[in-house]
Amino acid sequence: MTSDEKAEFLAEIDKVLDVLREGIRMHAGDVELIDFEEESGRVLVRLVGTCVGCPFSSITLKSGIEETLCGIFPNIQEVVDVTNPEIVV
């Protein structure tokens, strides 16, 4: 994937996240797209606002964001929250 292709792919991911953000923002949270690691198929995001420390944030991440992105983009294998890098999911 060239840098232009990666930028396009990140833009496509962000469009999908924009739809998901509507629901997340209803609870004063948000999600920031950080990067896509092509080799591993991992999308790196940062949960912000009330998502930080929320006991339901893992459900939002895995059952909401990851499930949606993996269902749309076959090259995405996992979505990882880098908010707390010391916590490994």
N, C-alpha and C. Protein backbone atom coordinates (compact mmCIF):
# COMPACT_ATOMS: atom_id res chain seq x y z
N MET A 1 0.86 -1.16 0.00
CA MET A 1 0.00 0.00 0.00
C MET A 1 0.91 1.24 0.00
N THR A 2 0.71 2.09 -0.99
CA THR A 2 1.50 3.33 -1.06
C THR A 2 0.99 4.31 -0.01
N SER A 3 1.74 5.37 0.21
CA SER A 3 1.30 6.36 1.19
C SER A 3 -0.02 7.02 0.77
N ASP A 4 -0.21 7.23 -0.53
CA ASP A 4 -1.48 7.79 -1.01
C ASP A 4 -2.63 6.82 -0.79
N GLU A 5 -2.38 5.54 -1.06
CA GLU A 5 -3.41 4.53 -0.84
C GLU A 5 -3.77 4.43 0.64
N LYS A 6 -2.74 4.50 1.48
CA LYS A 6 -2.99 4.44 2.92
C LYS A 6 -3.81 5.65 3.38
N ALA A 7 -3.47 6.83 2.87
CA ALA A 7 -4.22 8.04 3.23
C ALA A 7 -5.68 7.91 2.80
N GLU A 8 -5.91 7.36 1.62
CA GLU A 8 -7.28 7.13 1.13
C GLU A 8 -8.02 6.14 2.01
N PHE A 9 -7.32 5.06 2.38
CA PHE A 9 -7.93 4.03 3.22
C PHE A 9 -8.28 4.60 4.59
N LEU A 10 -7.38 5.39 5.18
CA LEU A 10 -7.65 6.02 6.46
C LEU A 10 -8.86 6.96 6.36
N ALA A 11 -8.99 7.65 5.25
CA ALA A 11 -10.14 8.54 5.04
C ALA A 11 -11.44 7.73 4.97
N GLU A 12 -11.39 6.56 4.34
CA GLU A 12 -12.57 5.70 4.26
C GLU A 12 -12.95 5.18 5.65
N ILE A 13 -11.95 4.79 6.43
CA ILE A 13 -12.20 4.34 7.80
C ILE A 13 -12.83 5.47 8.60
N ASP A 14 -12.29 6.66 8.45
CA ASP A 14 -12.79 7.82 9.21
C ASP A 14 -14.24 8.15 8.84
N LYS A 15 -14.62 7.92 7.59
CA LYS A 15 -16.02 8.15 7.18
C LYS A 15 -16.95 7.22 7.95
N VAL A 16 -16.54 5.97 8.10
CA VAL A 16 -17.35 5.01 8.85
C VAL A 16 -17.38 5.42 10.33
N LEU A 17 -16.23 5.82 10.85
CA LEU A 17 -16.18 6.26 12.24
C LEU A 17 -17.08 7.47 12.48
N ASP A 18 -17.21 8.34 11.47
CA ASP A 18 -18.09 9.51 11.61
C ASP A 18 -19.52 9.08 11.94
N VAL A 19 -19.97 8.02 11.31
CA VAL A 19 -21.32 7.52 11.58
C VAL A 19 -21.40 6.99 13.01
N LEU A 20 -20.38 6.22 13.41
CA LEU A 20 -20.37 5.66 14.77
C LEU A 20 -20.22 6.74 15.83
N ARG A 21 -19.51 7.80 15.49
CA ARG A 21 -19.28 8.90 16.44
C ARG A 21 -20.59 9.54 16.89
N GLU A 22 -21.59 9.54 16.02
CA GLU A 22 -22.87 10.14 16.39
C GLU A 22 -23.40 9.53 17.68
N GLY A 23 -23.37 8.22 17.77
CA GLY A 23 -23.83 7.54 18.98
C GLY A 23 -22.89 7.73 20.15
N ILE A 24 -21.60 7.67 19.88
CA ILE A 24 -20.61 7.83 20.95
C ILE A 24 -20.69 9.23 21.55
N ARG A 25 -20.88 10.22 20.72
CA ARG A 25 -20.94 11.61 21.19
C ARG A 25 -22.20 11.89 22.00
N MET A 26 -23.23 11.08 21.81
CA MET A 26 -24.45 11.24 22.62
C MET A 26 -24.15 11.00 24.09
N HIS A 27 -23.06 10.32 24.36
CA HIS A 27 -22.64 10.01 25.73
C HIS A 27 -21.39 10.80 26.11
N ALA A 28 -21.12 11.88 25.36
CA ALA A 28 -19.98 12.78 25.62
C ALA A 28 -18.62 12.11 25.43
N GLY A 29 -18.59 11.09 24.59
CA GLY A 29 -17.33 10.44 24.25
C GLY A 29 -16.98 10.70 22.80
N ASP A 30 -15.87 10.14 22.38
CA ASP A 30 -15.45 10.27 20.98
C ASP A 30 -14.38 9.22 20.70
N VAL A 31 -14.08 9.06 19.42
CA VAL A 31 -13.02 8.15 19.00
C VAL A 31 -12.18 8.87 17.95
N GLU A 32 -10.87 8.79 18.12
CA GLU A 32 -9.93 9.39 17.17
C GLU A 32 -9.21 8.27 16.42
N LEU A 33 -9.14 8.38 15.12
CA LEU A 33 -8.39 7.43 14.31
C LEU A 33 -6.92 7.80 14.37
N ILE A 34 -6.07 6.86 14.75
CA ILE A 34 -4.65 7.11 14.88
C ILE A 34 -3.89 6.57 13.66
N ASP A 35 -4.10 5.29 13.32
CA ASP A 35 -3.33 4.70 12.22
C ASP A 35 -3.92 3.36 11.83
N PHE A 36 -3.43 2.85 10.70
CA PHE A 36 -3.73 1.49 10.26
C PHE A 36 -2.41 0.80 10.01
N GLU A 37 -2.20 -0.34 10.65
CA GLU A 37 -1.00 -1.14 10.46
C GLU A 37 -1.31 -2.22 9.44
N GLU A 38 -0.84 -2.02 8.23
CA GLU A 38 -1.17 -2.92 7.12
C GLU A 38 -0.72 -4.35 7.39
N GLU A 39 0.47 -4.53 7.95
CA GLU A 39 1.02 -5.87 8.16
C GLU A 39 0.15 -6.71 9.09
N SER A 40 -0.35 -6.09 10.15
CA SER A 40 -1.14 -6.83 11.14
C SER A 40 -2.64 -6.70 10.93
N GLY A 41 -3.05 -5.72 10.12
CA GLY A 41 -4.47 -5.47 9.91
C GLY A 41 -5.12 -4.78 11.09
N ARG A 42 -4.31 -4.12 11.91
CA ARG A 42 -4.82 -3.44 13.11
C ARG A 42 -5.09 -1.97 12.84
N VAL A 43 -6.25 -1.51 13.30
CA VAL A 43 -6.59 -0.10 13.29
C VAL A 43 -6.36 0.41 14.71
N LEU A 44 -5.59 1.47 14.82
CA LEU A 44 -5.32 2.07 16.12
C LEU A 44 -6.21 3.28 16.31
N VAL A 45 -6.92 3.31 17.43
CA VAL A 45 -7.80 4.42 17.76
C VAL A 45 -7.51 4.88 19.18
N ARG A 46 -8.02 6.05 19.50
CA ARG A 46 -7.95 6.56 20.86
C ARG A 46 -9.37 6.95 21.27
N LEU A 47 -9.85 6.34 22.34
CA LEU A 47 -11.14 6.72 22.89
C LEU A 47 -10.92 7.93 23.79
N VAL A 48 -11.79 8.92 23.69
CA VAL A 48 -11.63 10.15 24.45
C VAL A 48 -12.95 10.53 25.12
N GLY A 49 -12.90 11.58 25.91
CA GLY A 49 -14.10 12.05 26.61
C GLY A 49 -14.52 11.06 27.67
N THR A 50 -15.81 10.87 27.80
CA THR A 50 -16.31 9.97 28.84
C THR A 50 -16.02 8.50 28.55
N CYS A 51 -15.52 8.19 27.36
CA CYS A 51 -15.14 6.81 27.06
C CYS A 51 -13.94 6.37 27.91
N VAL A 52 -13.09 7.33 28.26
CA VAL A 52 -11.91 7.01 29.06
C VAL A 52 -12.37 6.61 30.46
N GLY A 53 -12.07 5.40 30.83
CA GLY A 53 -12.46 4.90 32.14
C GLY A 53 -13.86 4.34 32.23
N CYS A 54 -14.63 4.46 31.15
CA CYS A 54 -15.99 3.93 31.16
C CYS A 54 -15.97 2.40 31.13
N PRO A 55 -16.73 1.74 31.99
CA PRO A 55 -16.75 0.27 31.98
C PRO A 55 -17.32 -0.32 30.70
N PHE A 56 -18.03 0.47 29.91
CA PHE A 56 -18.60 -0.03 28.66
C PHE A 56 -17.74 0.27 27.45
N SER A 57 -16.60 0.92 27.65
CA SER A 57 -15.76 1.30 26.51
C SER A 57 -15.24 0.09 25.74
N SER A 58 -14.98 -1.02 26.42
CA SER A 58 -14.51 -2.21 25.71
C SER A 58 -15.61 -2.78 24.81
N ILE A 59 -16.86 -2.64 25.24
CA ILE A 59 -17.99 -3.09 24.41
C ILE A 59 -18.12 -2.17 23.20
N THR A 60 -18.00 -0.86 23.43
CA THR A 60 -18.03 0.10 22.32
C THR A 60 -16.93 -0.21 21.33
N LEU A 61 -15.74 -0.50 21.84
CA LEU A 61 -14.59 -0.77 20.98
C LEU A 61 -14.77 -2.05 20.18
N LYS A 62 -15.06 -3.14 20.85
CA LYS A 62 -15.08 -4.45 20.19
C LYS A 62 -16.40 -4.74 19.47
N SER A 63 -17.52 -4.52 20.14
CA SER A 63 -18.81 -4.87 19.55
C SER A 63 -19.37 -3.78 18.64
N GLY A 64 -18.87 -2.56 18.80
CA GLY A 64 -19.34 -1.47 17.96
C GLY A 64 -18.36 -1.14 16.86
N ILE A 65 -17.23 -0.59 17.25
CA ILE A 65 -16.25 -0.10 16.27
C ILE A 65 -15.59 -1.24 15.51
N GLU A 66 -15.02 -2.21 16.23
CA GLU A 66 -14.29 -3.30 15.56
C GLU A 66 -15.21 -4.14 14.68
N GLU A 67 -16.34 -4.52 15.21
CA GLU A 67 -17.27 -5.35 14.44
C GLU A 67 -17.70 -4.65 13.16
N THR A 68 -17.98 -3.36 13.24
CA THR A 68 -18.40 -2.59 12.07
C THR A 68 -17.27 -2.49 11.05
N LEU A 69 -16.09 -2.08 11.49
CA LEU A 69 -14.97 -1.90 10.55
C LEU A 69 -14.54 -3.22 9.92
N CYS A 70 -14.48 -4.29 10.70
CA CYS A 70 -14.10 -5.60 10.15
C CYS A 70 -15.14 -6.10 9.16
N GLY A 71 -16.40 -5.76 9.39
CA GLY A 71 -17.46 -6.18 8.49
C GLY A 71 -17.43 -5.45 7.15
N ILE A 72 -16.89 -4.24 7.15
CA ILE A 72 -16.84 -3.43 5.93
C ILE A 72 -15.53 -3.61 5.17
N PHE A 73 -14.44 -3.68 5.92
CA PHE A 73 -13.10 -3.74 5.31
C PHE A 73 -12.45 -5.09 5.63
N PRO A 74 -12.34 -5.98 4.64
CA PRO A 74 -11.80 -7.32 4.91
C PRO A 74 -10.33 -7.33 5.36
N ASN A 75 -9.58 -6.28 5.09
CA ASN A 75 -8.17 -6.27 5.49
C ASN A 75 -7.97 -5.77 6.92
N ILE A 76 -9.06 -5.38 7.60
CA ILE A 76 -8.96 -5.01 9.01
C ILE A 76 -9.23 -6.26 9.84
N GLN A 77 -8.29 -6.57 10.72
CA GLN A 77 -8.40 -7.76 11.57
C GLN A 77 -8.78 -7.43 13.01
N GLU A 78 -8.42 -6.21 13.44
CA GLU A 78 -8.60 -5.86 14.85
C GLU A 78 -8.58 -4.35 15.00
N VAL A 79 -9.29 -3.85 16.01
CA VAL A 79 -9.23 -2.43 16.37
C VAL A 79 -8.69 -2.36 17.79
N VAL A 80 -7.66 -1.55 17.98
CA VAL A 80 -6.98 -1.46 19.26
C VAL A 80 -7.06 -0.03 19.78
N ASP A 81 -7.43 0.10 21.06
CA ASP A 81 -7.47 1.40 21.71
C ASP A 81 -6.10 1.68 22.32
N VAL A 82 -5.48 2.77 21.88
CA VAL A 82 -4.15 3.12 22.39
C VAL A 82 -4.24 4.19 23.49
N THR A 83 -5.43 4.40 24.03
CA THR A 83 -5.62 5.39 25.09
C THR A 83 -4.73 5.09 26.28
N ASN A 84 -4.72 3.84 26.70
CA ASN A 84 -3.90 3.39 27.83
C ASN A 84 -2.97 2.29 27.32
N PRO A 85 -1.80 2.68 26.78
CA PRO A 85 -0.92 1.68 26.17
C PRO A 85 -0.45 0.59 27.12
N GLU A 86 -0.52 0.84 28.43
CA GLU A 86 -0.09 -0.19 29.37
C GLU A 86 -1.12 -1.30 29.53
N ILE A 87 -2.34 -1.05 29.04
CA ILE A 87 -3.38 -2.06 29.10
C ILE A 87 -3.41 -2.82 27.77
N VAL A 88 -3.20 -4.11 27.82
CA VAL A 88 -3.21 -4.93 26.61
C VAL A 88 -4.52 -5.68 26.56
N VAL A 89 -5.24 -5.54 25.43
CA VAL A 89 -6.54 -6.19 25.28
C VAL A 89 -6.35 -7.54 24.63
